[in-house]
PDB file of all heavy atoms in Angstrom:
ATOM      1  N   HIS A   1     -10.050   9.533  -3.121  1.00  0.00           N
ATOM      2  CA  HIS A   1     -10.006  10.923  -3.553  1.00  0.00           C
ATOM      3  C   HIS A   1      -9.983  11.924  -2.397  1.00  0.00           C
ATOM      4  O   HIS A   1      -9.480  13.040  -2.563  1.00  0.00           O
ATOM      5  CB  HIS A   1     -11.206  11.226  -4.440  1.00  0.00           C
ATOM      6  CG  HIS A   1     -11.240  10.404  -5.684  1.00  0.00           C
ATOM      7  ND1 HIS A   1     -10.345  10.570  -6.710  1.00  0.00           N
ATOM      8  CD2 HIS A   1     -12.048   9.365  -6.057  1.00  0.00           C
ATOM      9  CE1 HIS A   1     -10.599   9.698  -7.673  1.00  0.00           C
ATOM     10  NE2 HIS A   1     -11.624   8.958  -7.304  1.00  0.00           N
ATOM     11  N   ALA A   2     -10.528  11.554  -1.263  1.00  0.00           N
ATOM     12  CA  ALA A   2     -10.577  12.471  -0.121  1.00  0.00           C
ATOM     13  C   ALA A   2     -10.655  11.656   1.157  1.00  0.00           C
ATOM     14  O   ALA A   2     -11.175  10.526   1.160  1.00  0.00           O
ATOM     15  CB  ALA A   2     -11.780  13.407  -0.227  1.00  0.00           C
ATOM     16  N   ALA A   3     -10.128  12.222   2.243  1.00  0.00           N
ATOM     17  CA  ALA A   3     -10.203  11.595   3.563  1.00  0.00           C
ATOM     18  C   ALA A   3     -10.446  12.678   4.595  1.00  0.00           C
ATOM     19  O   ALA A   3      -9.637  13.605   4.726  1.00  0.00           O
ATOM     20  CB  ALA A   3      -8.922  10.838   3.879  1.00  0.00           C
ATOM     21  N   GLN A   4     -11.563  12.582   5.299  1.00  0.00           N
ATOM     22  CA  GLN A   4     -11.926  13.572   6.300  1.00  0.00           C
ATOM     23  C   GLN A   4     -12.004  12.926   7.682  1.00  0.00           C
ATOM     24  O   GLN A   4     -12.951  12.194   7.983  1.00  0.00           O
ATOM     25  CB  GLN A   4     -13.271  14.210   5.953  1.00  0.00           C
ATOM     26  CG  GLN A   4     -13.804  15.175   7.008  1.00  0.00           C
ATOM     27  CD  GLN A   4     -12.887  16.356   7.216  1.00  0.00           C
ATOM     28  OE1 GLN A   4     -12.631  17.126   6.292  1.00  0.00           O
ATOM     29  NE2 GLN A   4     -12.381  16.515   8.443  1.00  0.00           N
ATOM     30  N   PRO A   5     -10.999  13.146   8.547  1.00  0.00           N
ATOM     31  CA  PRO A   5     -11.109  12.645   9.920  1.00  0.00           C
ATOM     32  C   PRO A   5     -12.302  13.292  10.618  1.00  0.00           C
ATOM     33  O   PRO A   5     -12.527  14.503  10.487  1.00  0.00           O
ATOM     34  CB  PRO A   5      -9.781  13.085  10.560  1.00  0.00           C
ATOM     35  CG  PRO A   5      -8.840  13.283   9.414  1.00  0.00           C
ATOM     36  CD  PRO A   5      -9.701  13.796   8.291  1.00  0.00           C
ATOM     37  N   LEU A   6     -13.058  12.502  11.346  1.00  0.00           N
ATOM     38  CA  LEU A   6     -14.243  12.994  12.034  1.00  0.00           C
ATOM     39  C   LEU A   6     -13.952  13.254  13.508  1.00  0.00           C
ATOM     40  O   LEU A   6     -12.938  12.782  14.047  1.00  0.00           O
ATOM     41  CB  LEU A   6     -15.390  11.990  11.884  1.00  0.00           C
ATOM     42  CG  LEU A   6     -15.753  11.628  10.439  1.00  0.00           C
ATOM     43  CD1 LEU A   6     -16.864  10.579  10.415  1.00  0.00           C
ATOM     44  CD2 LEU A   6     -16.170  12.875   9.648  1.00  0.00           C
ATOM     45  N   CYS A   7     -14.838  13.969  14.156  1.00  0.00           N
ATOM     46  CA  CYS A   7     -14.623  14.344  15.554  1.00  0.00           C
ATOM     47  C   CYS A   7     -14.574  13.138  16.489  1.00  0.00           C
ATOM     48  O   CYS A   7     -13.973  13.211  17.564  1.00  0.00           O
ATOM     49  CB  CYS A   7     -15.730  15.301  16.004  1.00  0.00           C
ATOM     50  SG  CYS A   7     -15.741  16.879  15.116  1.00  0.00           S
ATOM     51  N   ASP A   8     -15.190  12.023  16.105  1.00  0.00           N
ATOM     52  CA  ASP A   8     -15.220  10.839  16.967  1.00  0.00           C
ATOM     53  C   ASP A   8     -14.085   9.858  16.685  1.00  0.00           C
ATOM     54  O   ASP A   8     -14.074   8.746  17.209  1.00  0.00           O
ATOM     55  CB  ASP A   8     -16.569  10.120  16.833  1.00  0.00           C
ATOM     56  CG  ASP A   8     -16.849   9.640  15.417  1.00  0.00           C
ATOM     57  OD1 ASP A   8     -15.948   9.710  14.561  1.00  0.00           O
ATOM     58  OD2 ASP A   8     -17.987   9.183  15.155  1.00  0.00           O
ATOM     59  N   GLY A   9     -13.128  10.245  15.840  1.00  0.00           N
ATOM     60  CA  GLY A   9     -11.979   9.387  15.572  1.00  0.00           C
ATOM     61  C   GLY A   9     -12.097   8.524  14.338  1.00  0.00           C
ATOM     62  O   GLY A   9     -11.110   7.925  13.900  1.00  0.00           O
ATOM     63  N   ARG A  10     -13.284   8.443  13.744  1.00  0.00           N
ATOM     64  CA  ARG A  10     -13.431   7.703  12.488  1.00  0.00           C
ATOM     65  C   ARG A  10     -13.013   8.587  11.317  1.00  0.00           C
ATOM     66  O   ARG A  10     -12.781   9.779  11.480  1.00  0.00           O
ATOM     67  CB  ARG A  10     -14.885   7.233  12.328  1.00  0.00           C
ATOM     68  CG  ARG A  10     -15.323   6.239  13.404  1.00  0.00           C
ATOM     69  CD  ARG A  10     -16.785   5.837  13.259  1.00  0.00           C
ATOM     70  NE  ARG A  10     -17.685   6.970  13.426  1.00  0.00           N
ATOM     71  CZ  ARG A  10     -19.010   6.896  13.307  1.00  0.00           C
ATOM     72  NH1 ARG A  10     -19.584   5.738  12.999  1.00  0.00           N
ATOM     73  NH2 ARG A  10     -19.770   7.967  13.482  1.00  0.00           N
ATOM     74  N   ILE A  11     -12.906   7.986  10.140  1.00  0.00           N
ATOM     75  CA  ILE A  11     -12.486   8.724   8.954  1.00  0.00           C
ATOM     76  C   ILE A  11     -13.474   8.458   7.833  1.00  0.00           C
ATOM     77  O   ILE A  11     -13.792   7.304   7.530  1.00  0.00           O
ATOM     78  CB  ILE A  11     -11.070   8.302   8.504  1.00  0.00           C
ATOM     79  CG1 ILE A  11     -10.054   8.536   9.624  1.00  0.00           C
ATOM     80  CG2 ILE A  11     -10.646   9.079   7.250  1.00  0.00           C
ATOM     81  CD1 ILE A  11      -8.681   7.970   9.320  1.00  0.00           C
ATOM     82  N   LEU A  12     -13.968   9.520   7.229  1.00  0.00           N
ATOM     83  CA  LEU A  12     -14.853   9.412   6.070  1.00  0.00           C
ATOM     84  C   LEU A  12     -14.014   9.605   4.815  1.00  0.00           C
ATOM     85  O   LEU A  12     -13.314  10.613   4.680  1.00  0.00           O
ATOM     86  CB  LEU A  12     -15.949  10.475   6.139  1.00  0.00           C
ATOM     87  CG  LEU A  12     -17.007  10.419   5.031  1.00  0.00           C
ATOM     88  CD1 LEU A  12     -17.863   9.160   5.156  1.00  0.00           C
ATOM     89  CD2 LEU A  12     -17.894  11.671   5.075  1.00  0.00           C
ATOM     90  N   VAL A  13     -14.051   8.631   3.914  1.00  0.00           N
ATOM     91  CA  VAL A  13     -13.264   8.731   2.686  1.00  0.00           C
ATOM     92  C   VAL A  13     -14.190   8.670   1.475  1.00  0.00           C
ATOM     93  O   VAL A  13     -15.311   8.158   1.551  1.00  0.00           O
ATOM     94  CB  VAL A  13     -12.185   7.634   2.590  1.00  0.00           C
ATOM     95  CG1 VAL A  13     -11.229   7.694   3.769  1.00  0.00           C
ATOM     96  CG2 VAL A  13     -12.806   6.257   2.475  1.00  0.00           C
ATOM     97  N   VAL A  14     -13.687   9.204   0.376  1.00  0.00           N
ATOM     98  CA  VAL A  14     -14.426   9.202  -0.888  1.00  0.00           C
ATOM     99  C   VAL A  14     -13.686   8.341  -1.889  1.00  0.00           C
ATOM    100  O   VAL A  14     -12.512   8.583  -2.180  1.00  0.00           O
ATOM    101  CB  VAL A  14     -14.581  10.626  -1.455  1.00  0.00           C
ATOM    102  CG1 VAL A  14     -15.362  10.581  -2.758  1.00  0.00           C
ATOM    103  CG2 VAL A  14     -15.267  11.545  -0.451  1.00  0.00           C
ATOM    104  N   LEU A  15     -14.366   7.313  -2.388  1.00  0.00           N
ATOM    105  CA  LEU A  15     -13.900   6.535  -3.519  1.00  0.00           C
ATOM    106  C   LEU A  15     -14.810   6.871  -4.700  1.00  0.00           C
ATOM    107  O   LEU A  15     -15.724   7.683  -4.565  1.00  0.00           O
ATOM    108  CB  LEU A  15     -13.930   5.035  -3.226  1.00  0.00           C
ATOM    109  CG  LEU A  15     -12.725   4.492  -2.445  1.00  0.00           C
ATOM    110  CD1 LEU A  15     -12.787   4.911  -0.990  1.00  0.00           C
ATOM    111  CD2 LEU A  15     -12.653   2.970  -2.556  1.00  0.00           C
ATOM    112  N   LYS A  16     -14.570   6.250  -5.818  1.00  0.00           N
ATOM    113  CA  LYS A  16     -15.398   6.545  -6.975  1.00  0.00           C
ATOM    114  C   LYS A  16     -16.858   6.218  -6.688  1.00  0.00           C
ATOM    115  O   LYS A  16     -17.207   5.082  -6.408  1.00  0.00           O
ATOM    116  CB  LYS A  16     -14.909   5.762  -8.192  1.00  0.00           C
ATOM    117  CG  LYS A  16     -15.677   6.074  -9.470  1.00  0.00           C
ATOM    118  CD  LYS A  16     -15.056   5.415 -10.681  1.00  0.00           C
ATOM    119  CE  LYS A  16     -15.789   5.817 -11.956  1.00  0.00           C
ATOM    120  NZ  LYS A  16     -15.145   5.265 -13.172  1.00  0.00           N
ATOM    121  N   ARG A  17     -17.695   7.253  -6.692  1.00  0.00           N
ATOM    122  CA  ARG A  17     -19.152   7.153  -6.573  1.00  0.00           C
ATOM    123  C   ARG A  17     -19.638   6.637  -5.219  1.00  0.00           C
ATOM    124  O   ARG A  17     -20.794   6.225  -5.090  1.00  0.00           O
ATOM    125  CB  ARG A  17     -19.731   6.292  -7.698  1.00  0.00           C
ATOM    126  CG  ARG A  17     -19.494   6.888  -9.085  1.00  0.00           C
ATOM    127  CD  ARG A  17     -19.998   5.986 -10.176  1.00  0.00           C
ATOM    128  NE  ARG A  17     -19.668   6.546 -11.496  1.00  0.00           N
ATOM    129  CZ  ARG A  17     -19.679   5.855 -12.621  1.00  0.00           C
ATOM    130  NH1 ARG A  17     -20.019   4.573 -12.604  1.00  0.00           N
ATOM    131  NH2 ARG A  17     -19.365   6.429 -13.763  1.00  0.00           N
ATOM    132  N   ARG A  18     -18.811   6.695  -4.179  1.00  0.00           N
ATOM    133  CA  ARG A  18     -19.287   6.221  -2.884  1.00  0.00           C
ATOM    134  C   ARG A  18     -18.476   6.817  -1.735  1.00  0.00           C
ATOM    135  O   ARG A  18     -17.313   7.195  -1.887  1.00  0.00           O
ATOM    136  CB  ARG A  18     -19.242   4.687  -2.808  1.00  0.00           C
ATOM    137  CG  ARG A  18     -17.857   4.069  -2.916  1.00  0.00           C
ATOM    138  CD  ARG A  18     -17.981   2.582  -3.216  1.00  0.00           C
ATOM    139  NE  ARG A  18     -16.724   1.856  -3.184  1.00  0.00           N
ATOM    140  CZ  ARG A  18     -15.861   1.806  -4.183  1.00  0.00           C
ATOM    141  NH1 ARG A  18     -16.102   2.470  -5.309  1.00  0.00           N
ATOM    142  NH2 ARG A  18     -14.740   1.097  -4.075  1.00  0.00           N
ATOM    143  N   PHE A  19     -19.158   6.892  -0.575  1.00  0.00           N
ATOM    144  CA  PHE A  19     -18.537   7.307   0.672  1.00  0.00           C
ATOM    145  C   PHE A  19     -18.321   6.074   1.538  1.00  0.00           C
ATOM    146  O   PHE A  19     -19.231   5.256   1.702  1.00  0.00           O
ATOM    147  CB  PHE A  19     -19.431   8.297   1.422  1.00  0.00           C
ATOM    148  CG  PHE A  19     -19.576   9.625   0.735  1.00  0.00           C
ATOM    149  CD1 PHE A  19     -20.637   9.859  -0.138  1.00  0.00           C
ATOM    150  CD2 PHE A  19     -18.661  10.642   0.954  1.00  0.00           C
ATOM    151  CE1 PHE A  19     -20.784  11.086  -0.767  1.00  0.00           C
ATOM    152  CE2 PHE A  19     -18.796  11.868   0.327  1.00  0.00           C
ATOM    153  CZ  PHE A  19     -19.854  12.092  -0.541  1.00  0.00           C
ATOM    154  N   VAL A  20     -17.136   5.972   2.101  1.00  0.00           N
ATOM    155  CA  VAL A  20     -16.783   4.837   2.951  1.00  0.00           C
ATOM    156  C   VAL A  20     -16.365   5.370   4.314  1.00  0.00           C
ATOM    157  O   VAL A  20     -15.588   6.324   4.416  1.00  0.00           O
ATOM    158  CB  VAL A  20     -15.640   4.011   2.329  1.00  0.00           C
ATOM    159  CG1 VAL A  20     -15.184   2.913   3.280  1.00  0.00           C
ATOM    160  CG2 VAL A  20     -16.083   3.417   0.996  1.00  0.00           C
ATOM    161  N   LEU A  21     -16.890   4.750   5.370  1.00  0.00           N
ATOM    162  CA  LEU A  21     -16.549   5.133   6.732  1.00  0.00           C
ATOM    163  C   LEU A  21     -15.570   4.114   7.302  1.00  0.00           C
ATOM    164  O   LEU A  21     -15.844   2.907   7.303  1.00  0.00           O
ATOM    165  CB  LEU A  21     -17.805   5.198   7.594  1.00  0.00           C
ATOM    166  CG  LEU A  21     -17.634   5.739   9.016  1.00  0.00           C
ATOM    167  CD1 LEU A  21     -17.195   7.203   8.990  1.00  0.00           C
ATOM    168  CD2 LEU A  21     -18.941   5.583   9.800  1.00  0.00           C
ATOM    169  N   ILE A  22     -14.434   4.607   7.793  1.00  0.00           N
ATOM    170  CA  ILE A  22     -13.412   3.745   8.388  1.00  0.00           C
ATOM    171  C   ILE A  22     -13.499   3.886   9.902  1.00  0.00           C
ATOM    172  O   ILE A  22     -13.367   4.984  10.449  1.00  0.00           O
ATOM    173  CB  ILE A  22     -12.005   4.128   7.905  1.00  0.00           C
ATOM    174  CG1 ILE A  22     -11.916   4.014   6.384  1.00  0.00           C
ATOM    175  CG2 ILE A  22     -10.954   3.250   8.568  1.00  0.00           C
ATOM    176  CD1 ILE A  22     -10.599   4.522   5.817  1.00  0.00           C
ATOM    177  N   ASP A  23     -13.744   2.768  10.588  1.00  0.00           N
ATOM    178  CA  ASP A  23     -13.789   2.778  12.045  1.00  0.00           C
ATOM    179  C   ASP A  23     -12.372   2.776  12.615  1.00  0.00           C
ATOM    180  O   ASP A  23     -11.386   2.538  11.902  1.00  0.00           O
ATOM    181  CB  ASP A  23     -14.572   1.571  12.561  1.00  0.00           C
ATOM    182  CG  ASP A  23     -16.066   1.692  12.261  1.00  0.00           C
ATOM    183  OD1 ASP A  23     -16.617   2.793  12.466  1.00  0.00           O
ATOM    184  OD2 ASP A  23     -16.663   0.706  11.794  1.00  0.00           O
ATOM    185  N   GLN A  24     -12.257   2.989  13.913  1.00  0.00           N
ATOM    186  CA  GLN A  24     -10.947   3.106  14.539  1.00  0.00           C
ATOM    187  C   GLN A  24     -10.159   1.804  14.506  1.00  0.00           C
ATOM    188  O   GLN A  24      -8.930   1.825  14.618  1.00  0.00           O
ATOM    189  CB  GLN A  24     -11.110   3.605  15.976  1.00  0.00           C
ATOM    190  CG  GLN A  24     -11.667   5.025  16.041  1.00  0.00           C
ATOM    191  CD  GLN A  24     -11.753   5.564  17.454  1.00  0.00           C
ATOM    192  OE1 GLN A  24     -10.877   5.342  18.270  1.00  0.00           O
ATOM    193  NE2 GLN A  24     -12.818   6.291  17.751  1.00  0.00           N
ATOM    194  N   ASP A  25     -10.836   0.670  14.332  1.00  0.00           N
ATOM    195  CA  ASP A  25     -10.131  -0.603  14.233  1.00  0.00           C
ATOM    196  C   ASP A  25      -9.714  -0.929  12.798  1.00  0.00           C
ATOM    197  O   ASP A  25      -9.176  -2.014  12.529  1.00  0.00           O
ATOM    198  CB  ASP A  25     -10.986  -1.743  14.800  1.00  0.00           C
ATOM    199  CG  ASP A  25     -12.296  -1.944  14.023  1.00  0.00           C
ATOM    200  OD1 ASP A  25     -12.523  -1.212  13.027  1.00  0.00           O
ATOM    201  OD2 ASP A  25     -13.084  -2.825  14.411  1.00  0.00           O
ATOM    202  N   GLY A  26      -9.975  -0.024  11.855  1.00  0.00           N
ATOM    203  CA  GLY A  26      -9.583  -0.234  10.469  1.00  0.00           C
ATOM    204  C   GLY A  26     -10.646  -0.873   9.600  1.00  0.00           C
ATOM    205  O   GLY A  26     -10.477  -0.950   8.379  1.00  0.00           O
ATOM    206  N   SER A  27     -11.736  -1.332  10.190  1.00  0.00           N
ATOM    207  CA  SER A  27     -12.826  -1.886   9.390  1.00  0.00           C
ATOM    208  C   SER A  27     -13.535  -0.754   8.652  1.00  0.00           C
ATOM    209  O   SER A  27     -13.522   0.396   9.093  1.00  0.00           O
ATOM    210  CB  SER A  27     -13.818  -2.642  10.277  1.00  0.00           C
ATOM    211  OG  SER A  27     -14.387  -1.781  11.245  1.00  0.00           O
ATOM    212  N   SER A  28     -14.157  -1.081   7.532  1.00  0.00           N
ATOM    213  CA  SER A  28     -14.782  -0.038   6.725  1.00  0.00           C
ATOM    214  C   SER A  28     -16.090  -0.528   6.125  1.00  0.00           C
ATOM    215  O   SER A  28     -16.311  -1.736   5.985  1.00  0.00           O
ATOM    216  CB  SER A  28     -13.835   0.414   5.616  1.00  0.00           C
ATOM    217  OG  SER A  28     -13.534  -0.652   4.748  1.00  0.00           O
ATOM    218  N   ARG A  29     -16.939   0.422   5.752  1.00  0.00           N
ATOM    219  CA  ARG A  29     -18.233   0.090   5.152  1.00  0.00           C
ATOM    220  C   ARG A  29     -18.704   1.263   4.310  1.00  0.00           C
ATOM    221  O   ARG A  29     -18.429   2.428   4.632  1.00  0.00           O
ATOM    222  CB  ARG A  29     -19.266  -0.218   6.227  1.00  0.00           C
ATOM    223  CG  ARG A  29     -19.317   0.853   7.304  1.00  0.00           C
ATOM    224  CD  ARG A  29     -20.138   0.442   8.493  1.00  0.00           C
ATOM    225  NE  ARG A  29     -19.715   1.146   9.683  1.00  0.00           N
ATOM    226  CZ  ARG A  29     -20.493   1.391  10.728  1.00  0.00           C
ATOM    227  NH1 ARG A  29     -21.759   0.979  10.718  1.00  0.00           N
ATOM    228  NH2 ARG A  29     -20.032   2.014  11.779  1.00  0.00           N
ATOM    229  N   VAL A  30     -19.402   0.955   3.239  1.00  0.00           N
ATOM    230  CA  VAL A  30     -20.008   1.985   2.410  1.00  0.00           C
ATOM    231  C   VAL A  30     -21.221   2.536   3.150  1.00  0.00           C
ATOM    232  O   VAL A  30     -22.099   1.779   3.570  1.00  0.00           O
ATOM    233  CB  VAL A  30     -20.426   1.427   1.027  1.00  0.00           C
ATOM    234  CG1 VAL A  30     -21.161   2.494   0.229  1.00  0.00           C
ATOM    235  CG2 VAL A  30     -19.209   0.926   0.266  1.00  0.00           C
ATOM    236  N   VAL A  31     -21.279   3.864   3.313  1.00  0.00           N
ATOM    237  CA  VAL A  31     -22.398   4.470   4.044  1.00  0.00           C
ATOM    238  C   VAL A  31     -23.318   5.281   3.135  1.00  0.00           C
ATOM    239  O   VAL A  31     -24.441   5.608   3.515  1.00  0.00           O
ATOM    240  CB  VAL A  31     -21.894   5.357   5.203  1.00  0.00           C
ATOM    241  CG1 VAL A  31     -21.256   4.503   6.279  1.00  0.00           C
ATOM    242  CG2 VAL A  31     -20.924   6.426   4.709  1.00  0.00           C
ATOM    243  N   ASP A  32     -22.851   5.617   1.935  1.00  0.00           N
ATOM    244  CA  ASP A  32     -23.710   6.347   1.009  1.00  0.00           C
ATOM    245  C   ASP A  32     -23.056   6.333  -0.366  1.00  0.00           C
ATOM    246  O   ASP A  32     -21.866   6.022  -0.501  1.00  0.00           O
ATOM    247  CB  ASP A  32     -23.919   7.796   1.457  1.00  0.00           C
ATOM    248  CG  ASP A  32     -25.236   8.390   0.943  1.00  0.00           C
ATOM    249  OD1 ASP A  32     -25.843   7.784   0.031  1.00  0.00           O
ATOM    250  OD2 ASP A  32     -25.637   9.448   1.440  1.00  0.00           O
ATOM    251  N   ARG A  33     -23.841   6.678  -1.363  1.00  0.00           N
ATOM    252  CA  ARG A  33     -23.350   6.813  -2.730  1.00  0.00           C
ATOM    253  C   ARG A  33     -23.219   8.286  -3.082  1.00  0.00           C
ATOM    254  O   ARG A  33     -23.985   9.112  -2.585  1.00  0.00           O
ATOM    255  CB  ARG A  33     -24.302   6.129  -3.717  1.00  0.00           C
ATOM    256  CG  ARG A  33     -24.439   4.632  -3.481  1.00  0.00           C
ATOM    257  CD  ARG A  33     -23.188   3.892  -3.936  1.00  0.00           C
ATOM    258  NE  ARG A  33     -23.201   2.497  -3.511  1.00  0.00           N
ATOM    259  CZ  ARG A  33     -22.226   1.629  -3.794  1.00  0.00           C
ATOM    260  NH1 ARG A  33     -21.180   2.036  -4.494  1.00  0.00           N
ATOM    261  NH2 ARG A  33     -22.292   0.386  -3.371  1.00  0.00           N
ATOM    262  N   VAL A  34     -22.254   8.602  -3.905  1.00  0.00           N
ATOM    263  CA  VAL A  34     -22.196   9.941  -4.473  1.00  0.00           C
ATOM    264  C   VAL A  34     -23.376  10.041  -5.424  1.00  0.00           C
ATOM    265  O   VAL A  34     -23.489   9.260  -6.371  1.00  0.00           O
ATOM    266  CB  VAL A  34     -20.863  10.171  -5.216  1.00  0.00           C
ATOM    267  CG1 VAL A  34     -20.856  11.525  -5.902  1.00  0.00           C
ATOM    268  CG2 VAL A  34     -19.691  10.062  -4.239  1.00  0.00           C
ATOM    269  N   HIS A  35     -24.274  10.965  -5.166  1.00  0.00           N
ATOM    270  CA  HIS A  35     -25.561  10.948  -5.849  1.00  0.00           C
ATOM    271  C   HIS A  35     -25.457  11.200  -7.345  1.00  0.00           C
ATOM    272  O   HIS A  35     -26.156  10.579  -8.141  1.00  0.00           O
ATOM    273  CB  HIS A  35     -26.500  11.961  -5.177  1.00  0.00           C
ATOM    274  CG  HIS A  35     -26.848  11.586  -3.776  1.00  0.00           C
ATOM    275  ND1 HIS A  35     -26.033  11.866  -2.696  1.00  0.00           N
ATOM    276  CD2 HIS A  35     -27.900  10.911  -3.275  1.00  0.00           C
ATOM    277  CE1 HIS A  35     -26.587  11.385  -1.598  1.00  0.00           C
ATOM    278  NE2 HIS A  35     -27.719  10.812  -1.916  1.00  0.00           N
ATOM    279  N   ARG A  36     -24.568  12.127  -7.756  1.00  0.00           N
ATOM    280  CA  ARG A  36     -24.345  12.387  -9.184  1.00  0.00           C
ATOM    281  C   ARG A  36     -22.865  12.681  -9.375  1.00  0.00           C
ATOM    282  O   ARG A  36     -22.262  13.419  -8.595  1.00  0.00           O
ATOM    283  CB  ARG A  36     -25.205  13.553  -9.680  1.00  0.00           C
ATOM    284  CG  ARG A  36     -26.690  13.194  -9.830  1.00  0.00           C
ATOM    285  CD  ARG A  36     -27.543  14.409 -10.161  1.00  0.00           C
ATOM    286  NE  ARG A  36     -27.739  15.259  -9.003  1.00  0.00           N
ATOM    287  CZ  ARG A  36     -28.917  15.798  -8.668  1.00  0.00           C
ATOM    288  NH1 ARG A  36     -29.987  15.573  -9.407  1.00  0.00           N
ATOM    289  NH2 ARG A  36     -29.036  16.579  -7.622  1.00  0.00           N
ATOM    290  N   GLY A  37     -22.296  12.103 -10.433  1.00  0.00           N
ATOM    291  CA  GLY A  37     -20.874  12.277 -10.672  1.00  0.00           C
ATOM    292  C   GLY A  37     -20.043  11.223  -9.971  1.00  0.00           C
ATOM    293  O   GLY A  37     -20.566  10.319  -9.306  1.00  0.00           O
ATOM    294  N   ASN A  38     -18.724  11.343 -10.108  1.00  0.00           N
ATOM    295  CA  ASN A  38     -17.809  10.378  -9.494  1.00  0.00           C
ATOM    296  C   ASN A  38     -17.425  10.741  -8.072  1.00  0.00           C
ATOM    297  O   ASN A  38     -17.227   9.875  -7.227  1.00  0.00           O
ATOM    298  CB  ASN A  38     -16.534  10.256 -10.334  1.00  0.00           C
ATOM    299  CG  ASN A  38     -16.773   9.573 -11.663  1.00  0.00           C
ATOM    300  OD1 ASN A  38     -17.449   8.545 -11.723  1.00  0.00           O
ATOM    301  ND2 ASN A  38     -16.236  10.139 -12.737  1.00  0.00           N
ATOM    302  N   LYS A  39     -17.327  12.057  -7.788  1.00  0.00           N
ATOM    303  CA  LYS A  39     -16.818  12.508  -6.497  1.00  0.00           C
ATOM    304  C   LYS A  39     -17.043  14.016  -6.370  1.00  0.00           C
ATOM    305  O   LYS A  39     -17.231  14.697  -7.375  1.00  0.00           O
ATOM    306  CB  LYS A  39     -15.314  12.227  -6.386  1.00  0.00           C
ATOM    307  CG  LYS A  39     -14.492  12.892  -7.487  1.00  0.00           C
ATOM    308  CD  LYS A  39     -13.033  12.499  -7.436  1.00  0.00           C
ATOM    309  CE  LYS A  39     -12.224  13.161  -8.551  1.00  0.00           C
ATOM    310  NZ  LYS A  39     -12.223  14.634  -8.474  1.00  0.00           N
TER     311      LYS A  39
END
């Protein structure tokens, strides 16, 4: 739903009910949940 490039070169993206951080090598991990709602 959203992709926000960060100052350090990583990208924060929003999927349904969660935030995912994409590292510069393309690996990704869930870093938080959307607390209420889908996005």
